[in-house]
Amino acid sequence: MQRSRTPQRLGDILNAWVQSMGFAGPFARGIVIAKWEGMQSEQMIQHIERSWMKGDKLFVQVRSAAWRQELHHQREEWRRRLNTEVGSEAVREIVFR
């Protein structure tokens, strides 16, 4: 990261720092998980055990086969909504297990 004598926006400086330190991938995955958890209804929270990212896939472990099936049928809608929330195409696929 190069120093500048002209004023810069703090967000631009932090983004450049995140990129230069190699944190962009883990940081983006953390944002996706946080947004995903914020989108869940109270009912979903009761049936989802955990969520994690691997590359551009979001994996969601579901306690109930019936809920897993229901969420699986809605996975494209969830993916579109999540990517809209994140502001990028960070999630290519959602896998419910």
N, C-alpha and C. Protein backbone atom coordinates (compact mmCIF):
# COMPACT_ATOMS: atom_id res chain seq x y z
N MET A 1 0.85 -1.16 0.00
CA MET A 1 0.00 0.00 0.00
C MET A 1 0.90 1.23 0.00
N GLN A 2 0.61 2.16 -0.88
CA GLN A 2 1.45 3.33 -1.07
C GLN A 2 0.86 4.52 -0.32
N ARG A 3 1.74 5.34 0.25
CA ARG A 3 1.31 6.55 0.96
C ARG A 3 0.92 7.62 -0.03
N SER A 4 -0.01 8.45 0.38
CA SER A 4 -0.48 9.54 -0.47
C SER A 4 -0.55 10.81 0.36
N ARG A 5 -0.22 11.92 -0.28
CA ARG A 5 -0.28 13.22 0.41
C ARG A 5 -1.67 13.85 0.28
N THR A 6 -2.50 13.31 -0.60
CA THR A 6 -3.84 13.85 -0.77
C THR A 6 -4.82 13.09 0.12
N PRO A 7 -5.85 13.75 0.61
CA PRO A 7 -6.83 13.07 1.46
C PRO A 7 -7.53 11.95 0.70
N GLN A 8 -7.78 10.85 1.41
CA GLN A 8 -8.48 9.71 0.84
C GLN A 8 -9.60 9.30 1.77
N ARG A 9 -10.62 8.68 1.21
CA ARG A 9 -11.72 8.18 2.02
C ARG A 9 -11.23 7.00 2.87
N LEU A 10 -11.69 6.95 4.10
CA LEU A 10 -11.27 5.89 5.01
C LEU A 10 -11.65 4.52 4.47
N GLY A 11 -12.83 4.41 3.87
CA GLY A 11 -13.26 3.13 3.29
C GLY A 11 -12.31 2.66 2.21
N ASP A 12 -11.81 3.58 1.38
CA ASP A 12 -10.86 3.23 0.33
C ASP A 12 -9.54 2.76 0.92
N ILE A 13 -9.11 3.42 1.98
CA ILE A 13 -7.85 3.03 2.64
C ILE A 13 -7.98 1.64 3.25
N LEU A 14 -9.09 1.40 3.96
CA LEU A 14 -9.30 0.09 4.58
C LEU A 14 -9.43 -1.01 3.53
N ASN A 15 -10.13 -0.72 2.45
CA ASN A 15 -10.27 -1.71 1.38
C ASN A 15 -8.91 -2.06 0.78
N ALA A 16 -8.08 -1.06 0.54
CA ALA A 16 -6.74 -1.31 0.01
C ALA A 16 -5.90 -2.13 1.00
N TRP A 17 -6.04 -1.83 2.28
CA TRP A 17 -5.30 -2.57 3.29
C TRP A 17 -5.75 -4.03 3.34
N VAL A 18 -7.07 -4.26 3.33
CA VAL A 18 -7.61 -5.63 3.35
C VAL A 18 -7.09 -6.40 2.15
N GLN A 19 -7.11 -5.78 0.98
CA GLN A 19 -6.61 -6.42 -0.25
C GLN A 19 -5.12 -6.74 -0.12
N SER A 20 -4.33 -5.77 0.33
CA SER A 20 -2.88 -5.96 0.39
C SER A 20 -2.46 -7.02 1.41
N MET A 21 -3.25 -7.20 2.46
CA MET A 21 -2.92 -8.17 3.49
C MET A 21 -3.44 -9.57 3.15
N GLY A 22 -4.20 -9.69 2.06
CA GLY A 22 -4.72 -11.00 1.66
C GLY A 22 -5.94 -11.43 2.44
N PHE A 23 -6.64 -10.49 3.06
CA PHE A 23 -7.82 -10.81 3.86
C PHE A 23 -9.12 -10.72 3.07
N ALA A 24 -9.07 -10.36 1.81
CA ALA A 24 -10.29 -10.10 1.04
C ALA A 24 -11.22 -11.32 1.01
N GLY A 25 -10.69 -12.50 0.75
CA GLY A 25 -11.52 -13.70 0.69
C GLY A 25 -12.18 -14.03 2.02
N PRO A 26 -11.39 -14.17 3.09
CA PRO A 26 -12.01 -14.48 4.39
C PRO A 26 -12.96 -13.38 4.87
N PHE A 27 -12.61 -12.13 4.61
CA PHE A 27 -13.45 -11.01 5.01
C PHE A 27 -14.79 -11.07 4.28
N ALA A 28 -14.75 -11.32 2.98
CA ALA A 28 -15.98 -11.41 2.17
C ALA A 28 -16.83 -12.59 2.62
N ARG A 29 -16.21 -13.71 2.93
CA ARG A 29 -16.96 -14.88 3.40
C ARG A 29 -17.62 -14.58 4.74
N GLY A 30 -16.95 -13.86 5.59
CA GLY A 30 -17.53 -13.47 6.88
C GLY A 30 -18.74 -12.56 6.70
N ILE A 31 -18.66 -11.66 5.74
CA ILE A 31 -19.79 -10.78 5.46
C ILE A 31 -20.97 -11.59 4.95
N VAL A 32 -20.71 -12.55 4.06
CA VAL A 32 -21.79 -13.39 3.53
C VAL A 32 -22.48 -14.15 4.67
N ILE A 33 -21.71 -14.75 5.56
CA ILE A 33 -22.29 -15.51 6.67
C ILE A 33 -23.11 -14.57 7.57
N ALA A 34 -22.59 -13.40 7.87
CA ALA A 34 -23.32 -12.46 8.71
C ALA A 34 -24.64 -12.03 8.06
N LYS A 35 -24.60 -11.74 6.77
CA LYS A 35 -25.82 -11.36 6.06
C LYS A 35 -26.81 -12.51 6.02
N TRP A 36 -26.31 -13.72 5.75
CA TRP A 36 -27.17 -14.90 5.70
C TRP A 36 -27.88 -15.10 7.04
N GLU A 37 -27.14 -15.01 8.13
CA GLU A 37 -27.74 -15.19 9.45
C GLU A 37 -28.75 -14.10 9.76
N GLY A 38 -28.52 -12.89 9.25
CA GLY A 38 -29.46 -11.80 9.46
C GLY A 38 -30.74 -11.95 8.65
N MET A 39 -30.71 -12.71 7.58
CA MET A 39 -31.87 -12.91 6.72
C MET A 39 -32.80 -14.02 7.24
N GLN A 40 -32.32 -14.83 8.14
CA GLN A 40 -33.09 -15.99 8.60
C GLN A 40 -34.23 -15.57 9.51
N SER A 41 -35.37 -16.23 9.33
CA SER A 41 -36.51 -16.00 10.21
C SER A 41 -36.27 -16.74 11.53
N GLU A 42 -37.07 -16.42 12.54
CA GLU A 42 -36.98 -17.11 13.83
C GLU A 42 -37.19 -18.62 13.65
N GLN A 43 -38.11 -18.97 12.78
CA GLN A 43 -38.41 -20.38 12.52
C GLN A 43 -37.20 -21.08 11.88
N MET A 44 -36.55 -20.40 10.93
CA MET A 44 -35.36 -21.00 10.28
C MET A 44 -34.23 -21.19 11.28
N ILE A 45 -34.05 -20.21 12.15
CA ILE A 45 -32.96 -20.27 13.13
C ILE A 45 -33.08 -21.54 13.98
N GLN A 46 -34.30 -21.95 14.27
CA GLN A 46 -34.52 -23.15 15.07
C GLN A 46 -34.12 -24.42 14.34
N HIS A 47 -34.10 -24.39 13.00
CA HIS A 47 -33.84 -25.60 12.22
C HIS A 47 -32.46 -25.63 11.57
N ILE A 48 -31.73 -24.52 11.63
CA ILE A 48 -30.39 -24.47 11.02
C ILE A 48 -29.35 -24.62 12.12
N GLU A 49 -28.47 -25.60 11.92
CA GLU A 49 -27.44 -25.87 12.91
C GLU A 49 -26.24 -24.95 12.75
N ARG A 50 -25.72 -24.87 11.53
CA ARG A 50 -24.57 -23.98 11.27
C ARG A 50 -24.46 -23.69 9.79
N SER A 51 -23.69 -22.65 9.47
CA SER A 51 -23.47 -22.24 8.08
C SER A 51 -21.99 -21.90 7.91
N TRP A 52 -21.45 -22.21 6.74
CA TRP A 52 -20.05 -21.89 6.46
C TRP A 52 -19.85 -21.73 4.96
N MET A 53 -18.79 -21.03 4.61
CA MET A 53 -18.43 -20.80 3.21
C MET A 53 -17.20 -21.61 2.86
N LYS A 54 -17.20 -22.13 1.66
CA LYS A 54 -16.02 -22.79 1.10
C LYS A 54 -15.94 -22.29 -0.34
N GLY A 55 -14.99 -21.44 -0.60
CA GLY A 55 -14.91 -20.80 -1.92
C GLY A 55 -16.11 -19.90 -2.11
N ASP A 56 -16.85 -20.13 -3.18
CA ASP A 56 -18.04 -19.31 -3.45
C ASP A 56 -19.33 -20.09 -3.19
N LYS A 57 -19.23 -21.16 -2.39
CA LYS A 57 -20.41 -21.94 -2.00
C LYS A 57 -20.73 -21.70 -0.54
N LEU A 58 -22.01 -21.52 -0.26
CA LEU A 58 -22.50 -21.41 1.10
C LEU A 58 -23.10 -22.76 1.49
N PHE A 59 -22.58 -23.36 2.55
CA PHE A 59 -23.09 -24.63 3.05
C PHE A 59 -23.91 -24.35 4.30
N VAL A 60 -25.09 -24.96 4.36
CA VAL A 60 -25.99 -24.77 5.49
C VAL A 60 -26.39 -26.13 6.02
N GLN A 61 -26.07 -26.41 7.27
CA GLN A 61 -26.44 -27.68 7.89
C GLN A 61 -27.80 -27.51 8.56
N VAL A 62 -28.77 -28.31 8.12
CA VAL A 62 -30.15 -28.22 8.59
C VAL A 62 -30.48 -29.44 9.43
N ARG A 63 -31.16 -29.24 10.54
CA ARG A 63 -31.49 -30.33 11.48
C ARG A 63 -32.57 -31.26 10.96
N SER A 64 -33.48 -30.75 10.14
CA SER A 64 -34.66 -31.51 9.73
C SER A 64 -34.64 -31.75 8.22
N ALA A 65 -34.96 -32.99 7.83
CA ALA A 65 -35.01 -33.33 6.40
C ALA A 65 -36.10 -32.54 5.69
N ALA A 66 -37.22 -32.34 6.36
CA ALA A 66 -38.31 -31.58 5.74
C ALA A 66 -37.90 -30.14 5.48
N TRP A 67 -37.22 -29.51 6.45
CA TRP A 67 -36.75 -28.14 6.26
C TRP A 67 -35.66 -28.09 5.19
N ARG A 68 -34.79 -29.07 5.18
CA ARG A 68 -33.73 -29.12 4.17
C ARG A 68 -34.34 -29.16 2.78
N GLN A 69 -35.36 -29.98 2.60
CA GLN A 69 -36.03 -30.09 1.30
C GLN A 69 -36.68 -28.76 0.91
N GLU A 70 -37.36 -28.14 1.85
CA GLU A 70 -38.04 -26.86 1.57
C GLU A 70 -37.02 -25.78 1.19
N LEU A 71 -35.95 -25.68 1.95
CA LEU A 71 -34.92 -24.69 1.66
C LEU A 71 -34.21 -24.98 0.34
N HIS A 72 -34.01 -26.26 0.07
CA HIS A 72 -33.36 -26.65 -1.19
C HIS A 72 -34.16 -26.17 -2.40
N HIS A 73 -35.48 -26.29 -2.32
CA HIS A 73 -36.34 -25.83 -3.43
C HIS A 73 -36.27 -24.32 -3.62
N GLN A 74 -35.94 -23.59 -2.56
CA GLN A 74 -35.88 -22.13 -2.62
C GLN A 74 -34.46 -21.60 -2.75
N ARG A 75 -33.49 -22.47 -3.00
CA ARG A 75 -32.08 -22.07 -2.93
C ARG A 75 -31.69 -20.97 -3.90
N GLU A 76 -32.25 -20.95 -5.10
CA GLU A 76 -31.91 -19.89 -6.06
C GLU A 76 -32.43 -18.53 -5.60
N GLU A 77 -33.63 -18.53 -5.06
CA GLU A 77 -34.19 -17.28 -4.52
C GLU A 77 -33.35 -16.78 -3.36
N TRP A 78 -32.96 -17.70 -2.46
CA TRP A 78 -32.09 -17.32 -1.34
C TRP A 78 -30.75 -16.79 -1.84
N ARG A 79 -30.19 -17.44 -2.86
CA ARG A 79 -28.89 -17.01 -3.41
C ARG A 79 -29.00 -15.60 -3.98
N ARG A 80 -30.05 -15.34 -4.75
CA ARG A 80 -30.24 -14.00 -5.33
C ARG A 80 -30.40 -12.94 -4.24
N ARG A 81 -31.23 -13.24 -3.25
CA ARG A 81 -31.44 -12.28 -2.15
C ARG A 81 -30.15 -12.02 -1.38
N LEU A 82 -29.40 -13.09 -1.13
CA LEU A 82 -28.15 -12.95 -0.38
C LEU A 82 -27.14 -12.12 -1.17
N ASN A 83 -26.98 -12.40 -2.45
CA ASN A 83 -26.05 -11.63 -3.26
C ASN A 83 -26.46 -10.17 -3.36
N THR A 84 -27.76 -9.90 -3.39
CA THR A 84 -28.24 -8.53 -3.38
C THR A 84 -27.87 -7.85 -2.07
N GLU A 85 -28.05 -8.54 -0.96
CA GLU A 85 -27.68 -8.00 0.36
C GLU A 85 -26.19 -7.70 0.45
N VAL A 86 -25.38 -8.60 -0.09
CA VAL A 86 -23.93 -8.45 -0.03
C VAL A 86 -23.45 -7.38 -1.00
N GLY A 87 -24.16 -7.23 -2.12
CA GLY A 87 -23.77 -6.24 -3.11
C GLY A 87 -22.82 -6.76 -4.17
N SER A 88 -22.70 -8.08 -4.26
CA SER A 88 -21.86 -8.71 -5.29
C SER A 88 -22.33 -10.14 -5.49
N GLU A 89 -21.76 -10.80 -6.48
CA GLU A 89 -22.08 -12.21 -6.74
C GLU A 89 -21.12 -13.10 -5.94
N ALA A 90 -21.11 -12.92 -4.64
CA ALA A 90 -20.19 -13.65 -3.77
C ALA A 90 -20.56 -15.12 -3.62
N VAL A 91 -21.85 -15.44 -3.76
CA VAL A 91 -22.32 -16.81 -3.56
C VAL A 91 -22.79 -17.36 -4.90
N ARG A 92 -22.10 -18.39 -5.37
CA ARG A 92 -22.47 -19.03 -6.63
C ARG A 92 -23.52 -20.12 -6.40
N GLU A 93 -23.46 -20.76 -5.22
CA GLU A 93 -24.37 -21.86 -4.94
C GLU A 93 -24.59 -21.97 -3.43
N ILE A 94 -25.81 -22.37 -3.06
CA ILE A 94 -26.12 -22.68 -1.66
C ILE A 94 -26.42 -24.17 -1.58
N VAL A 95 -25.74 -24.84 -0.67
CA VAL A 95 -25.91 -26.28 -0.47
C VAL A 95 -26.51 -26.51 0.91
N PHE A 96 -27.69 -27.09 0.95
CA PHE A 96 -28.33 -27.42 2.23
C PHE A 96 -28.06 -28.88 2.53
N ARG A 97 -27.53 -29.14 3.72
CA ARG A 97 -27.18 -30.51 4.15
C ARG A 97 -27.96 -30.90 5.37
